[in-house]
Protein backbone atom coordinates (compact mmCIF):
# COMPACT_ATOMS: atom_id res chain seq x y z
CA MET A 1 -70.77 -70.00 -68.04
CA MET A 2 -67.96 -70.61 -70.51
CA THR A 3 -66.36 -67.45 -71.78
CA GLN A 4 -66.21 -66.63 -75.46
CA ASN A 5 -62.44 -66.90 -75.39
CA GLU A 6 -62.55 -70.44 -73.99
CA ASN A 7 -64.78 -71.43 -76.90
CA SER A 8 -62.21 -70.22 -79.41
CA ALA A 9 -60.14 -72.49 -81.63
CA VAL A 10 -56.92 -71.78 -79.69
CA PHE A 11 -58.43 -72.82 -76.34
CA LEU A 12 -60.22 -75.84 -77.82
CA GLU A 13 -57.00 -77.04 -79.43
CA ASN A 14 -55.10 -76.60 -76.17
CA GLU A 15 -57.83 -78.43 -74.25
CA GLU A 16 -57.67 -81.39 -76.62
CA LYS A 17 -53.89 -81.57 -76.17
CA ALA A 18 -54.26 -81.35 -72.38
CA ASN A 19 -56.86 -84.15 -72.45
CA ARG A 20 -54.48 -86.40 -74.35
CA TYR A 21 -51.56 -85.56 -72.07
CA THR A 22 -53.55 -86.09 -68.85
CA ALA A 23 -55.01 -89.37 -70.13
CA LEU A 24 -51.48 -90.53 -70.96
CA CYS A 25 -50.31 -89.63 -67.43
CA LEU A 26 -53.20 -91.64 -65.98
CA LEU A 27 -52.24 -94.58 -68.20
CA ILE A 28 -48.76 -94.42 -66.67
CA ALA A 29 -50.35 -94.18 -63.20
CA ALA A 30 -52.35 -97.33 -63.95
CA ALA A 31 -49.15 -99.12 -64.97
CA VAL A 32 -47.46 -98.05 -61.72
CA ALA A 33 -50.46 -99.27 -59.71
CA ILE A 34 -50.34 -102.64 -61.45
CA LEU A 35 -46.61 -102.90 -60.68
CA MET A 36 -47.20 -102.06 -57.00
CA TRP A 37 -49.95 -104.65 -56.82
CA PHE A 38 -47.70 -107.29 -58.37
CA LEU A 39 -44.77 -106.44 -56.08
CA ASN A 40 -47.04 -106.65 -53.05
CA ILE A 41 -48.08 -110.15 -54.12
CA LEU A 42 -44.38 -111.06 -54.26
CA GLY A 43 -43.89 -109.72 -50.74
CA PHE A 44 -41.97 -106.52 -51.45
CA PHE A 45 -44.54 -104.50 -49.48
CA ILE A 46 -46.26 -105.21 -46.17
CA VAL A 47 -49.73 -104.07 -47.19
CA GLU A 48 -52.42 -106.62 -46.44
CA GLN A 49 -53.27 -108.51 -49.60
CA TRP A 50 -57.04 -108.27 -49.15
CA LEU A 51 -56.71 -104.48 -48.98
CA MET A 52 -54.70 -104.32 -52.20
CA ASN A 53 -57.05 -106.76 -53.96
CA MET A 54 -60.02 -104.60 -53.05
CA THR A 55 -58.69 -101.13 -53.91
CA MET A 56 -56.20 -101.68 -56.72
CA PRO A 57 -58.68 -102.93 -59.37
CA ILE A 58 -60.94 -99.95 -58.72
CA GLY A 59 -58.07 -97.47 -58.93
CA ILE A 60 -56.63 -99.06 -62.07
CA ILE A 61 -60.01 -99.01 -63.83
CA LEU A 62 -60.49 -95.33 -62.92
CA PHE A 63 -57.01 -94.52 -64.27
CA LEU A 64 -57.60 -96.44 -67.52
CA LEU A 65 -61.07 -95.03 -68.21
CA PRO A 66 -59.90 -91.53 -69.37
CA PHE A 67 -57.47 -93.04 -71.88
CA LEU A 68 -60.23 -95.20 -73.34
CA LEU A 69 -62.65 -92.25 -73.44
CA VAL A 70 -60.15 -90.00 -75.22
CA ARG A 71 -59.60 -92.65 -77.88
CA ALA A 72 -63.27 -93.56 -78.22
CA ARG A 73 -64.52 -89.95 -78.34
CA LYS A 74 -61.53 -88.82 -80.41
CA ASN A 75 -60.89 -86.19 -77.76
CA LYS A 76 -64.11 -84.25 -78.44
CA GLY A 77 -66.55 -82.84 -75.89
CA ARG A 78 -66.17 -80.02 -73.39
CA TRP A 79 -67.27 -82.35 -70.56
CA LEU A 80 -64.36 -84.71 -71.18
CA LYS A 81 -61.83 -82.83 -69.03
CA TYR A 82 -64.16 -82.99 -66.03
CA VAL A 83 -64.60 -86.75 -66.47
CA ILE A 84 -60.82 -87.22 -66.81
CA MET A 85 -60.03 -85.21 -63.71
CA GLY A 86 -62.92 -86.79 -61.80
CA CYS A 87 -61.54 -90.27 -62.54
CA PHE A 88 -58.09 -89.12 -61.45
CA LEU A 89 -59.39 -87.77 -58.12
CA LEU A 90 -61.53 -90.81 -57.38
CA GLY A 91 -58.70 -93.16 -58.33
CA ILE A 92 -56.26 -91.46 -55.97
CA GLY A 93 -58.98 -91.29 -53.31
CA VAL A 94 -59.64 -95.04 -53.49
CA LEU A 95 -55.94 -95.91 -53.35
CA ALA A 96 -55.21 -93.32 -50.65
CA SER A 97 -57.97 -94.79 -48.50
CA ALA A 98 -55.89 -97.96 -48.35
CA LEU A 99 -52.34 -96.61 -48.77
CA THR A 100 -52.69 -93.60 -46.50
CA ILE A 101 -48.98 -92.99 -45.94
CA GLN A 102 -47.66 -93.88 -49.38
CA LEU A 103 -49.91 -91.58 -51.46
CA VAL A 104 -49.65 -88.33 -49.52
CA LEU A 105 -47.79 -86.60 -52.39
CA ALA A 106 -50.12 -88.00 -55.04
CA TRP A 107 -52.76 -85.38 -54.21
CA ALA A 108 -50.59 -82.67 -55.78
CA CYS A 109 -50.60 -84.42 -59.18
CA PRO A 110 -54.18 -83.46 -60.20
CA LEU A 111 -53.45 -79.81 -59.39
CA ILE A 112 -50.28 -79.86 -61.45
CA LEU A 113 -51.98 -81.54 -64.42
CA SER A 114 -54.99 -79.21 -64.28
CA CYS A 115 -52.65 -76.29 -64.98
CA HIS A 116 -52.09 -77.71 -68.47
CA TYR A 117 -55.64 -76.66 -69.36
CA TYR A 118 -54.70 -73.02 -68.67
CA SER A 119 -58.15 -72.40 -67.24
CA PRO A 120 -58.15 -70.87 -63.74
CA ARG A 121 -61.75 -71.95 -63.23
CA PHE A 122 -60.91 -75.59 -63.98
CA THR A 123 -58.01 -75.40 -61.50
CA HIS A 124 -60.50 -74.11 -58.89
CA PHE A 125 -62.67 -77.15 -59.58
CA THR A 126 -59.67 -79.45 -59.23
CA LEU A 127 -58.65 -77.96 -55.87
CA ALA A 128 -62.17 -78.37 -54.48
CA GLY A 129 -62.21 -81.97 -55.71
CA VAL A 130 -58.78 -82.71 -54.21
CA LEU A 131 -59.70 -81.30 -50.78
CA LEU A 132 -63.03 -83.15 -50.72
CA CYS A 133 -61.63 -86.51 -51.88
CA MET A 134 -58.67 -86.23 -49.52
CA PHE A 135 -61.01 -85.52 -46.60
CA PHE A 136 -62.98 -88.72 -47.14
CA ALA A 137 -59.84 -90.72 -47.96
CA VAL A 138 -58.20 -89.61 -44.67
CA TYR A 139 -61.09 -90.77 -42.50
CA ILE A 140 -61.69 -93.99 -44.45
CA GLY A 141 -57.98 -94.69 -44.17
CA LEU A 142 -58.15 -94.00 -40.44
CA TYR A 143 -60.36 -97.07 -40.03
CA TYR A 144 -59.43 -99.32 -42.96
CA GLY A 145 -56.16 -98.17 -44.52
CA VAL A 146 -52.51 -98.88 -43.80
CA TRP A 147 -51.71 -97.71 -40.28
CA ASP A 148 -50.33 -94.18 -40.10
CA SER A 149 -48.95 -93.42 -36.63
CA ASN A 150 -49.02 -89.70 -37.49
CA MET A 151 -52.78 -89.82 -36.97
CA MET A 152 -52.58 -91.08 -33.37
CA ARG A 153 -50.28 -90.78 -30.40
CA SER A 154 -49.92 -94.49 -29.91
CA ASN A 155 -47.24 -96.25 -31.91
CA ALA A 156 -49.00 -99.59 -31.53
CA GLU A 157 -50.37 -101.06 -34.74
CA LEU A 158 -54.15 -101.29 -34.63
CA VAL A 159 -55.39 -103.99 -36.96
CA GLY A 160 -58.96 -104.10 -38.22
CA ALA A 161 -61.63 -101.45 -38.50
CA ALA A 162 -63.50 -102.65 -35.39
CA VAL A 163 -60.35 -102.47 -33.23
CA ARG A 164 -59.55 -98.96 -34.48
CA ALA A 165 -63.12 -97.80 -33.94
CA GLU A 166 -63.02 -99.06 -30.35
CA PHE A 167 -59.67 -97.35 -29.81
CA ILE A 168 -61.08 -94.06 -31.14
CA ARG A 169 -64.16 -94.33 -28.86
CA GLU A 170 -62.04 -95.07 -25.81
CA ALA A 171 -59.76 -92.14 -26.63
CA ALA A 172 -62.79 -89.84 -27.00
CA ALA A 173 -64.16 -91.01 -23.64
CA ALA A 174 -60.78 -90.16 -22.12
CA GLY A 175 -60.96 -86.64 -23.58
CA ASP A 176 -58.82 -87.23 -26.67
CA ASN A 177 -61.00 -86.62 -29.79
CA ILE A 178 -58.87 -88.41 -32.40
CA LEU A 179 -61.24 -87.50 -35.24
CA LEU A 180 -60.88 -83.80 -34.50
CA ARG A 181 -57.15 -84.12 -33.94
CA VAL A 182 -56.70 -85.89 -37.27
CA PHE A 183 -58.56 -83.04 -38.94
CA TYR A 184 -56.45 -80.30 -37.35
CA PHE A 185 -53.02 -81.93 -37.27
CA TYR A 186 -53.16 -84.27 -40.25
CA TYR A 187 -55.70 -83.02 -42.78
CA ILE A 188 -55.25 -79.25 -42.41
CA PRO A 189 -51.41 -79.18 -42.87
CA ARG A 190 -51.71 -81.27 -46.02
CA ALA A 191 -54.57 -79.13 -47.26
CA VAL A 192 -52.47 -76.00 -46.72
CA ILE A 193 -49.61 -77.51 -48.75
CA LEU A 194 -52.03 -78.34 -51.55
CA VAL A 195 -53.45 -74.81 -51.48
CA VAL A 196 -49.91 -73.45 -51.87
CA VAL A 197 -49.41 -75.77 -54.86
CA TYR A 198 -52.77 -74.56 -56.17
CA LEU A 199 -51.81 -70.88 -55.80
CA ILE A 200 -48.58 -71.44 -57.71
CA GLY A 201 -50.38 -73.43 -60.37
CA VAL A 202 -53.29 -71.03 -60.79
CA THR A 203 -50.89 -68.10 -61.10
CA LEU A 204 -49.12 -69.85 -63.96
CA SER A 205 -52.48 -70.88 -65.37
CA LYS A 206 -53.78 -67.30 -65.40
CA ARG A 207 -50.60 -66.02 -67.00
CA THR A 208 -50.73 -68.67 -69.72
CA HIS A 209 -54.46 -68.03 -70.12
CA ARG A 210 -53.65 -64.40 -70.92
CA LEU A 211 -50.95 -65.52 -73.35
CA LEU A 212 -53.43 -67.80 -75.10
CA ARG A 213 -55.92 -64.95 -75.37
CA GLN A 214 -53.17 -62.82 -76.90
CA GLN A 215 -52.23 -65.67 -79.22
CA GLU A 216 -55.86 -65.94 -80.27
CA ALA A 217 -56.04 -62.20 -80.94
CA ASP A 218 -52.78 -62.36 -82.90
CA SER A 219 -54.12 -65.30 -84.88
CA ARG A 220 -57.29 -63.40 -85.79
CA GLU A 221 -55.21 -60.38 -86.78
CA LYS A 222 -52.93 -62.58 -88.88
CA GLU A 223 -55.93 -64.10 -90.65
CA ARG A 224 -57.28 -60.62 -91.33
CA ILE A 225 -53.96 -59.46 -92.76
CA GLU A 226 -53.64 -62.59 -94.90
CA THR A 227 -57.14 -62.03 -96.25
CA GLU A 228 -56.36 -58.42 -97.08
CA LEU A 229 -53.05 -59.42 -98.68
CA ASN A 230 -54.82 -62.00 -100.84
CA VAL A 231 -57.25 -59.31 -101.96
CA ALA A 232 -54.35 -56.91 -102.59
CA SER A 233 -52.53 -59.60 -104.57
CA SER A 234 -55.62 -60.16 -106.70
CA ILE A 235 -55.98 -56.43 -107.29
CA GLN A 236 -52.30 -56.13 -108.22
CA GLN A 237 -52.51 -59.03 -110.66
CA ASP A 238 -55.63 -57.50 -112.21
CA MET A 239 -53.75 -54.23 -112.77
CA LEU A 240 -51.31 -55.98 -115.08
CA PRO A 241 -52.24 -57.08 -118.61
CA CYS A 242 -53.07 -60.75 -118.10
CA ILE A 243 -55.35 -61.71 -120.99
CA PHE A 244 -53.51 -63.40 -123.83
CA PRO A 245 -53.38 -63.11 -126.73
CA ALA A 246 -53.38 -59.44 -125.77
CA PHE A 247 -54.12 -58.06 -129.26
CA PRO A 248 -55.71 -60.88 -131.24
CA GLU A 249 -56.57 -58.54 -134.09
CA ARG A 250 -52.92 -57.53 -134.59
CA GLU A 251 -50.89 -59.98 -136.66
CA GLU A 252 -47.75 -57.84 -136.80
CA PHE A 253 -46.40 -58.94 -133.42
CA ASP A 254 -46.81 -61.46 -130.60
CA ILE A 255 -46.40 -60.52 -126.94
CA TYR A 256 -46.52 -62.39 -123.65
CA ALA A 257 -45.65 -61.46 -120.05
CA ALA A 258 -45.80 -63.00 -116.58
CA MET A 259 -45.08 -62.02 -112.99
CA ASN A 260 -44.51 -64.37 -110.04
CA PRO A 261 -44.26 -62.39 -106.79
CA ALA A 262 -42.04 -63.68 -103.98
CA LYS A 263 -44.64 -62.57 -101.41
CA GLU A 264 -48.38 -62.07 -101.53
CA VAL A 265 -47.80 -58.73 -103.20
CA GLY A 266 -44.70 -57.62 -105.06
CA GLY A 267 -42.84 -54.59 -106.30
CA ASP A 268 -42.18 -55.79 -109.85
CA PHE A 269 -44.52 -54.84 -112.64
CA TYR A 270 -44.76 -54.96 -116.38
CA ASP A 271 -47.09 -53.14 -118.72
CA PHE A 272 -47.84 -52.84 -122.41
CA PHE A 273 -50.49 -50.75 -124.11
CA LEU A 274 -51.22 -49.10 -127.42
CA ILE A 275 -50.51 -45.37 -127.47
CA ASP A 276 -52.12 -45.21 -130.90
CA ASP A 277 -52.70 -47.65 -133.73
CA ASP A 278 -49.01 -47.71 -134.65
CA HIS A 279 -47.20 -47.37 -131.31
CA LEU A 280 -46.95 -49.92 -128.52
CA ALA A 281 -45.48 -48.96 -125.14
CA LEU A 282 -43.48 -51.61 -123.26
CA VAL A 283 -42.63 -51.24 -119.55
CA MET A 284 -40.59 -53.43 -117.22
CA ALA A 285 -39.95 -52.14 -113.71
CA ASP A 286 -38.72 -53.20 -110.28
CA VAL A 287 -39.48 -51.24 -107.09
CA SER A 288 -36.99 -51.35 -104.24
CA GLY A 289 -38.04 -53.41 -101.24
CA LYS A 290 -40.66 -56.11 -100.86
CA GLY A 291 -44.21 -56.58 -99.70
CA VAL A 292 -46.92 -53.97 -99.16
CA PRO A 293 -44.73 -50.79 -99.30
CA ALA A 294 -43.24 -51.88 -102.64
CA ALA A 295 -46.69 -52.79 -103.97
CA LEU A 296 -48.10 -49.36 -103.09
CA PHE A 297 -45.15 -47.62 -104.72
CA MET A 298 -45.57 -49.90 -107.73
CA VAL A 299 -49.18 -48.77 -108.20
CA ILE A 300 -48.14 -45.13 -108.16
CA ALA A 301 -45.20 -45.64 -110.54
CA LYS A 302 -47.21 -47.74 -112.97
CA THR A 303 -50.02 -45.18 -113.12
CA LEU A 304 -47.66 -42.26 -113.65
CA LEU A 305 -45.69 -44.08 -116.36
CA LYS A 306 -48.80 -45.04 -118.30
CA ASN A 307 -50.29 -41.54 -118.06
CA ALA A 308 -47.05 -39.94 -119.21
CA ALA A 309 -46.47 -42.41 -122.07
CA GLN A 310 -49.98 -41.99 -123.42
CA THR A 311 -49.27 -38.32 -124.10
CA GLY A 312 -46.99 -39.40 -126.97
CA SER A 313 -43.77 -38.21 -125.34
CA SER A 314 -40.50 -39.98 -126.05
CA PRO A 315 -39.24 -42.62 -123.56
CA GLY A 316 -36.58 -40.30 -122.15
CA ARG A 317 -39.09 -37.48 -121.60
CA VAL A 318 -41.53 -39.89 -119.95
CA LEU A 319 -38.89 -41.11 -117.50
CA GLU A 320 -37.79 -37.55 -116.68
CA LYS A 321 -41.34 -36.43 -115.95
CA VAL A 322 -42.21 -39.47 -113.83
CA ASN A 323 -38.89 -39.26 -111.97
CA ASN A 324 -39.66 -35.71 -110.80
CA GLN A 325 -43.18 -36.72 -109.80
CA LEU A 326 -41.93 -39.65 -107.74
CA CYS A 327 -39.25 -37.55 -106.06
CA GLU A 328 -41.93 -35.30 -104.56
CA ASN A 329 -42.63 -36.20 -100.91
CA ASN A 330 -40.68 -39.45 -101.21
CA GLU A 331 -39.93 -39.62 -97.48
CA SER A 332 -39.68 -43.41 -97.60
CA GLU A 333 -36.76 -42.98 -100.05
CA MET A 334 -38.00 -45.77 -102.27
CA PHE A 335 -37.01 -45.97 -105.90
CA VAL A 336 -37.83 -47.95 -109.01
CA THR A 337 -35.76 -49.21 -111.93
CA VAL A 338 -37.54 -48.98 -115.29
CA TRP A 339 -36.96 -50.07 -118.85
CA LEU A 340 -39.33 -48.23 -121.16
CA GLY A 341 -39.65 -48.77 -124.89
CA ILE A 342 -42.00 -47.37 -127.53
CA TYR A 343 -42.32 -49.77 -130.44
CA GLU A 344 -43.44 -48.53 -133.86
CA ILE A 345 -45.46 -51.44 -135.17
CA SER A 346 -45.34 -50.57 -138.89
CA THR A 347 -41.55 -50.21 -139.12
CA GLY A 348 -40.26 -52.32 -136.22
CA ARG A 349 -38.35 -49.31 -134.88
CA LEU A 350 -37.99 -49.29 -131.09
CA ARG A 351 -37.02 -46.21 -129.06
CA ALA A 352 -36.08 -47.00 -125.47
CA ALA A 353 -34.60 -45.57 -122.28
CA ASN A 354 -33.24 -47.40 -119.29
CA ALA A 355 -33.48 -46.08 -115.70
CA GLY A 356 -31.08 -48.42 -113.91
CA HIS A 357 -32.80 -51.59 -115.08
CA GLU A 358 -31.44 -54.93 -116.36
CA TYR A 359 -30.08 -55.17 -119.90
CA PRO A 360 -32.63 -56.48 -122.42
CA ALA A 361 -31.94 -59.59 -124.50
CA ILE A 362 -32.44 -59.56 -128.27
CA ARG A 363 -32.56 -62.34 -130.82
CA ARG A 364 -32.24 -61.68 -134.51
CA LYS A 365 -34.00 -64.00 -136.94
CA GLY A 366 -32.14 -67.27 -137.20
CA GLY A 367 -29.80 -66.28 -134.35
CA ARG A 368 -29.57 -66.64 -130.61
CA PHE A 369 -30.58 -64.43 -127.71
CA GLU A 370 -27.84 -62.07 -126.57
CA LEU A 371 -27.72 -59.21 -124.10
CA TYR A 372 -28.02 -55.74 -125.53
CA LYS A 373 -25.97 -53.53 -123.23
CA ASP A 374 -27.88 -50.31 -123.48
CA LYS A 375 -27.26 -46.93 -121.86
CA HIS A 376 -28.22 -46.88 -118.21
CA GLY A 377 -29.64 -43.83 -116.48
CA PHE A 378 -30.25 -43.29 -112.77
CA VAL A 379 -33.19 -44.98 -111.04
CA LEU A 380 -36.54 -43.17 -110.83
CA ALA A 381 -37.25 -41.33 -107.55
CA GLY A 382 -33.54 -41.25 -106.80
CA MET A 383 -32.71 -37.65 -107.75
CA GLU A 384 -34.71 -34.79 -109.25
CA ASP A 385 -34.07 -33.43 -112.75
CA THR A 386 -32.23 -36.53 -113.93
CA VAL A 387 -31.76 -36.72 -117.71
CA TYR A 388 -32.37 -40.05 -119.44
CA ARG A 389 -30.67 -40.83 -122.75
CA GLU A 390 -32.57 -42.71 -125.43
CA TYR A 391 -31.43 -45.23 -128.01
CA GLU A 392 -33.01 -46.89 -131.03
CA LEU A 393 -33.29 -50.47 -132.18
CA GLU A 394 -34.96 -51.98 -135.21
CA LEU A 395 -36.68 -55.33 -134.98
CA GLY A 396 -36.89 -57.19 -138.25
CA ALA A 397 -39.38 -59.91 -139.07
CA GLY A 398 -38.74 -62.88 -136.77
CA ASP A 399 -36.68 -60.83 -134.28
CA ALA A 400 -37.57 -61.00 -130.57
CA LEU A 401 -37.02 -58.81 -127.51
CA PHE A 402 -36.86 -60.23 -123.96
CA ILE A 403 -36.98 -57.94 -120.89
CA TYR A 404 -37.04 -59.02 -117.26
CA THR A 405 -36.38 -57.97 -113.66
CA ASP A 406 -33.40 -58.90 -111.50
CA GLY A 407 -35.44 -61.66 -109.86
CA VAL A 408 -34.54 -63.84 -112.86
CA PRO A 409 -30.72 -63.76 -112.79
CA GLU A 410 -30.61 -63.37 -109.00
CA ALA A 411 -32.67 -66.48 -108.24
CA THR A 412 -30.67 -68.76 -105.95
CA ASP A 413 -30.50 -72.47 -105.20
CA THR A 414 -30.18 -74.12 -101.77
CA GLY A 415 -26.43 -73.41 -101.83
CA ASN A 416 -27.10 -69.70 -102.37
CA VAL A 417 -25.64 -69.87 -105.90
CA LEU A 418 -27.06 -67.31 -108.34
CA TYR A 419 -28.98 -68.46 -111.41
CA GLY A 420 -27.20 -65.81 -113.44
CA VAL A 421 -27.66 -64.18 -116.84
CA GLN A 422 -25.87 -66.93 -118.74
CA ARG A 423 -28.26 -69.64 -117.51
CA MET A 424 -31.14 -67.36 -118.51
CA LEU A 425 -29.73 -66.98 -122.03
CA ASP A 426 -29.12 -70.73 -122.27
CA ALA A 427 -32.77 -71.38 -121.34
CA LEU A 428 -33.94 -68.88 -123.97
CA ASN A 429 -31.71 -70.42 -126.61
CA ARG A 430 -32.94 -73.98 -126.12
CA ALA A 431 -35.78 -73.08 -128.47
CA PRO A 432 -35.10 -69.52 -129.67
CA GLU A 433 -37.72 -69.75 -132.41
CA ALA A 434 -40.50 -70.61 -129.91
CA ALA A 435 -43.45 -68.31 -129.29
CA PRO A 436 -43.03 -65.72 -126.49
CA LYS A 437 -45.37 -67.68 -124.20
CA ASP A 438 -43.31 -70.86 -124.56
CA LEU A 439 -40.04 -68.98 -124.07
CA LEU A 440 -41.19 -67.49 -120.76
CA ARG A 441 -42.44 -70.85 -119.54
CA GLU A 442 -39.13 -72.48 -120.40
CA VAL A 443 -37.16 -69.83 -118.45
CA LYS A 444 -39.50 -70.15 -115.45
CA ALA A 445 -39.24 -73.94 -115.48
CA ASP A 446 -35.45 -73.73 -115.74
CA ILE A 447 -35.31 -71.39 -112.74
CA GLU A 448 -37.46 -73.79 -110.71
CA ARG A 449 -35.24 -76.73 -111.62
CA PHE A 450 -32.17 -74.74 -110.65
CA ALA A 451 -33.61 -73.39 -107.35
CA GLY A 452 -34.92 -76.77 -106.19
CA ASN A 453 -36.31 -76.44 -102.67
CA ALA A 454 -34.84 -72.98 -102.10
CA PRO A 455 -37.51 -70.34 -101.36
CA GLN A 456 -38.14 -67.68 -103.98
CA PHE A 457 -36.21 -64.62 -102.83
CA ASP A 458 -37.40 -61.99 -105.30
CA ASP A 459 -40.25 -61.33 -107.72
CA ILE A 460 -39.74 -62.96 -111.14
CA THR A 461 -41.15 -60.88 -113.99
CA MET A 462 -40.58 -61.34 -117.74
CA LEU A 463 -41.92 -60.03 -121.04
CA CYS A 464 -41.19 -61.10 -124.61
CA LEU A 465 -42.12 -59.32 -127.86
CA ARG A 466 -41.62 -60.93 -131.27
CA ARG A 467 -42.14 -59.24 -134.61
CA GLU A 468 -44.04 -61.60 -136.86
CA GLU A 469 -43.40 -62.37 -140.50
CA PRO A 470 -45.60 -60.43 -142.93
CA SER A 471 -48.75 -62.30 -143.99
CA GLY A 472 -48.27 -64.59 -146.95
CA LYS A 473 -44.56 -65.26 -146.31
């Protein structure tokens, strides 16, 4: 009965590879047999031609059959390995019946090749087949094959099956049972050598079999983790505002944001939400680290920031409160940089605070995007009771604000050259009057052109807010 493990994808894939490899080896064996046959015709060997003409075609056909089956069946079918090995054993048996001396070492080849299947049970089958085929080949070769003086005491060459049979009967009548002596002193020593080869092979086969089982278990675990990460990525994306236009009923401003994580889940996040009808909170943040730990910390930080901002507190007060909350039981020593702004929609006034985050970029109407080097505070979760200083900006009609994480300027190309802030500003200023959505797409496309085939190293997150012209103007 085939075990569940041997039915798995890992074992089936390995078996198909072993079938192809063994069939290729038999194709080479067929080519060698054809060469030997040809050289014997030319007189390089002293094997009787009738013997070669009788056995070689059969052996060559048996060696070629597995290669044809593998190609015809496209290497499918659990029975195929037994047919391949059976052809190999019969082919060697036929040739060894004629070339008794020359093919003594050939019996080890099926055992060695069977180890490529990494199935101890299949190696058991191969050993049994080798011992059985060799037994018949030895006694057929005793009568019909090339003379092997190791089988008998006489060094005289006995030609013809009838002559050898008479010699064996006369020896038996004289008390010398050649058949029994061949078994004990010819067959048994070779069988013992093959068993030693088998023991070495089956030991390696069992070890590799265990490794394949472990590989299969690791593969299943990897698939499970990938599935869970895909779900986590979907949940993380759903936590961020992703429906645009975000506020179709509000004509006073236009906003767009995007996040492209470097891994399945990331530590960057953005957020924007209405505190009341006249105040819009804007958040851009970057958690230290990558992957699942950063994503978990991101969820906590995002929730705390939103809860604190919705109370109507100023940006500095919000950061101070959240900082102390994140510092509690922060044994992992993670931290998060945050830019937080509260935008008054009616006046265009923006109050903001920066906890170790990147400088924002601002474009005035008719102008170009430039960095606004604001006042930096310490990162959140870095030290308790940190004070965060606020500042104010006023966005006029047509003005735009661009905030981002360090994944934008720190993107690298294949030569490990940084994208940099200046390239980011140049991308923004190619069409500074464009809508926020088009601006973000232009920056992302420019980063991709710059990076080329280099892998994305960090999460790339951006947000753009533009104050619109009053209606009727």
